[in-house]
N, C-alpha and C. Protein backbone atom coordinates (compact mmCIF):
# COMPACT_ATOMS: atom_id res chain seq x y z
N MET A 1 38.97 41.10 61.54
CA MET A 1 39.07 39.84 60.82
C MET A 1 37.77 39.51 60.09
N ASN A 2 36.65 39.86 60.71
CA ASN A 2 35.37 39.52 60.12
C ASN A 2 35.16 40.23 58.79
N SER A 3 35.64 41.46 58.66
CA SER A 3 35.49 42.18 57.39
C SER A 3 36.34 41.55 56.30
N GLY A 4 37.45 40.91 56.68
CA GLY A 4 38.28 40.21 55.71
C GLY A 4 37.55 39.03 55.09
N TYR A 5 36.80 38.31 55.91
CA TYR A 5 36.01 37.18 55.40
C TYR A 5 34.87 37.67 54.52
N ARG A 6 34.26 38.77 54.90
CA ARG A 6 33.18 39.33 54.08
C ARG A 6 33.72 39.77 52.72
N ARG A 7 34.87 40.41 52.74
CA ARG A 7 35.48 40.86 51.50
C ARG A 7 35.85 39.67 50.62
N LEU A 8 36.40 38.62 51.25
CA LEU A 8 36.75 37.41 50.51
C LEU A 8 35.51 36.74 49.93
N ALA A 9 34.43 36.70 50.72
CA ALA A 9 33.18 36.10 50.24
C ALA A 9 32.60 36.92 49.08
N ALA A 10 32.71 38.24 49.16
CA ALA A 10 32.20 39.09 48.09
C ALA A 10 32.99 38.88 46.81
N VAL A 11 34.29 38.78 46.92
CA VAL A 11 35.13 38.54 45.74
C VAL A 11 34.84 37.17 45.16
N ALA A 12 34.69 36.16 46.02
CA ALA A 12 34.39 34.81 45.55
C ALA A 12 33.03 34.78 44.85
N GLY A 13 32.06 35.49 45.40
CA GLY A 13 30.74 35.56 44.77
C GLY A 13 30.80 36.24 43.41
N LEU A 14 31.59 37.29 43.31
CA LEU A 14 31.75 37.99 42.04
C LEU A 14 32.42 37.10 41.00
N VAL A 15 33.42 36.36 41.41
CA VAL A 15 34.10 35.43 40.50
C VAL A 15 33.12 34.36 40.03
N ALA A 16 32.30 33.86 40.93
CA ALA A 16 31.31 32.84 40.56
C ALA A 16 30.31 33.39 39.56
N LEU A 17 29.85 34.62 39.75
CA LEU A 17 28.90 35.22 38.81
C LEU A 17 29.51 35.41 37.44
N VAL A 18 30.76 35.83 37.40
CA VAL A 18 31.43 36.00 36.11
C VAL A 18 31.60 34.66 35.41
N ALA A 19 31.95 33.63 36.18
CA ALA A 19 32.13 32.29 35.60
C ALA A 19 30.81 31.75 35.06
N LEU A 20 29.73 31.99 35.77
CA LEU A 20 28.43 31.48 35.33
C LEU A 20 27.88 32.26 34.14
N ALA A 21 28.33 33.48 33.95
CA ALA A 21 27.86 34.27 32.82
C ALA A 21 28.28 33.64 31.49
N GLY A 22 29.36 32.88 31.46
CA GLY A 22 29.82 32.21 30.25
C GLY A 22 29.09 30.92 29.98
N CYS A 23 28.13 30.57 30.79
CA CYS A 23 27.41 29.31 30.64
C CYS A 23 26.00 29.54 30.11
N ARG A 24 25.81 30.53 29.27
CA ARG A 24 24.49 30.79 28.73
C ARG A 24 24.02 29.64 27.86
N GLU A 25 22.73 29.43 27.82
CA GLU A 25 22.16 28.29 27.09
C GLU A 25 22.45 28.37 25.60
N ASP A 26 22.46 29.59 25.02
CA ASP A 26 22.71 29.71 23.59
C ASP A 26 24.15 29.40 23.22
N GLU A 27 25.04 29.30 24.20
CA GLU A 27 26.42 28.96 23.92
C GLU A 27 26.71 27.48 24.15
N GLN A 28 25.74 26.74 24.60
CA GLN A 28 25.94 25.32 24.85
C GLN A 28 25.89 24.54 23.54
N ASP A 29 26.61 23.45 23.48
CA ASP A 29 26.61 22.53 22.34
C ASP A 29 27.05 23.18 21.03
N ARG A 30 27.84 24.23 21.10
CA ARG A 30 28.38 24.82 19.88
C ARG A 30 29.76 24.22 19.63
N PRO A 31 30.18 24.14 18.38
CA PRO A 31 31.48 23.54 18.09
C PRO A 31 32.62 24.38 18.66
N LEU A 32 33.60 23.72 19.20
CA LEU A 32 34.76 24.40 19.75
C LEU A 32 35.97 24.25 18.84
N SER A 33 35.89 23.35 17.87
CA SER A 33 36.96 23.22 16.89
C SER A 33 36.31 23.20 15.50
N TYR A 34 37.00 23.78 14.56
CA TYR A 34 36.45 23.94 13.22
C TYR A 34 37.37 23.30 12.19
N ASP A 35 36.76 22.81 11.10
CA ASP A 35 37.52 22.30 9.97
C ASP A 35 37.64 23.43 8.96
N LYS A 36 38.85 23.78 8.60
CA LYS A 36 39.08 24.89 7.68
C LYS A 36 38.42 24.60 6.33
N GLY A 37 37.64 25.55 5.87
CA GLY A 37 37.00 25.44 4.57
C GLY A 37 35.74 24.60 4.55
N VAL A 38 35.26 24.16 5.71
CA VAL A 38 34.06 23.31 5.77
C VAL A 38 32.98 24.06 6.55
N TYR A 39 31.84 24.34 5.91
CA TYR A 39 30.73 25.00 6.58
C TYR A 39 30.02 23.99 7.46
N GLN A 40 29.90 24.31 8.73
CA GLN A 40 29.29 23.37 9.67
C GLN A 40 27.97 23.87 10.24
N GLY A 41 27.43 24.92 9.64
CA GLY A 41 26.16 25.46 10.10
C GLY A 41 25.00 24.64 9.57
N LYS A 42 23.79 25.06 9.98
CA LYS A 42 22.61 24.34 9.50
C LYS A 42 22.37 24.66 8.03
N ALA A 43 21.74 23.75 7.34
CA ALA A 43 21.47 23.93 5.91
C ALA A 43 20.45 25.04 5.69
N ASP A 44 20.57 25.74 4.56
CA ASP A 44 19.63 26.80 4.22
C ASP A 44 18.26 26.20 3.92
N ASP A 45 17.23 27.00 4.18
CA ASP A 45 15.88 26.58 3.82
C ASP A 45 15.70 26.72 2.32
N ALA A 46 14.83 25.89 1.76
CA ALA A 46 14.56 25.96 0.32
C ALA A 46 13.80 27.25 0.02
N LEU A 47 14.05 27.81 -1.16
CA LEU A 47 13.34 29.02 -1.57
C LEU A 47 11.89 28.68 -1.89
N PRO A 48 10.98 29.61 -1.63
CA PRO A 48 9.59 29.37 -2.00
C PRO A 48 9.46 29.21 -3.51
N GLU A 49 8.43 28.53 -3.93
CA GLU A 49 8.24 28.26 -5.35
C GLU A 49 8.11 29.56 -6.14
N GLY A 50 8.81 29.68 -7.23
CA GLY A 50 8.76 30.85 -8.08
C GLY A 50 9.82 31.89 -7.75
N THR A 51 10.41 31.81 -6.58
CA THR A 51 11.41 32.81 -6.19
C THR A 51 12.66 32.69 -7.04
N SER A 52 13.10 31.47 -7.33
CA SER A 52 14.32 31.32 -8.13
C SER A 52 14.11 31.85 -9.54
N ASP A 53 12.89 31.73 -10.08
CA ASP A 53 12.61 32.28 -11.42
C ASP A 53 12.70 33.81 -11.40
N VAL A 54 12.16 34.43 -10.36
CA VAL A 54 12.20 35.89 -10.23
C VAL A 54 13.65 36.35 -10.10
N LEU A 55 14.44 35.66 -9.30
CA LEU A 55 15.85 36.02 -9.13
C LEU A 55 16.63 35.85 -10.43
N ARG A 56 16.33 34.80 -11.17
CA ARG A 56 17.01 34.56 -12.44
C ARG A 56 16.69 35.68 -13.42
N GLN A 57 15.43 36.12 -13.46
CA GLN A 57 15.03 37.21 -14.35
C GLN A 57 15.72 38.52 -13.96
N ARG A 58 15.82 38.79 -12.68
CA ARG A 58 16.50 40.00 -12.22
C ARG A 58 17.98 39.98 -12.58
N ALA A 59 18.60 38.81 -12.49
CA ALA A 59 20.02 38.69 -12.81
C ALA A 59 20.28 38.91 -14.29
N GLN A 60 19.32 38.57 -15.14
CA GLN A 60 19.49 38.76 -16.58
C GLN A 60 19.56 40.24 -16.94
N HIS A 61 18.98 41.10 -16.12
CA HIS A 61 18.97 42.54 -16.41
C HIS A 61 20.21 43.26 -15.87
N GLN A 62 21.09 42.56 -15.20
CA GLN A 62 22.31 43.17 -14.67
C GLN A 62 23.38 43.21 -15.74
N SER A 63 24.23 44.21 -15.66
CA SER A 63 25.37 44.26 -16.59
C SER A 63 26.61 43.84 -15.83
N TYR A 64 27.50 43.15 -16.52
CA TYR A 64 28.73 42.64 -15.91
C TYR A 64 29.93 43.34 -16.53
N ASN A 65 30.02 44.62 -16.37
CA ASN A 65 31.13 45.38 -16.97
C ASN A 65 32.35 45.25 -16.12
């Protein structure tokens, strides 16, 4: 009988570890429901000064065939 309790305790401990693995800090406070077509992430950082001019110049040299 004693081995049955040990086996039960081992299974219960394993279940507890698996359940706690889903509680990682990086998964906390994330949205669980989403609005279709609406971006809910953080806003992009602004580009450094002069970067948009460089990108605009590079785009002018592309062909749109």
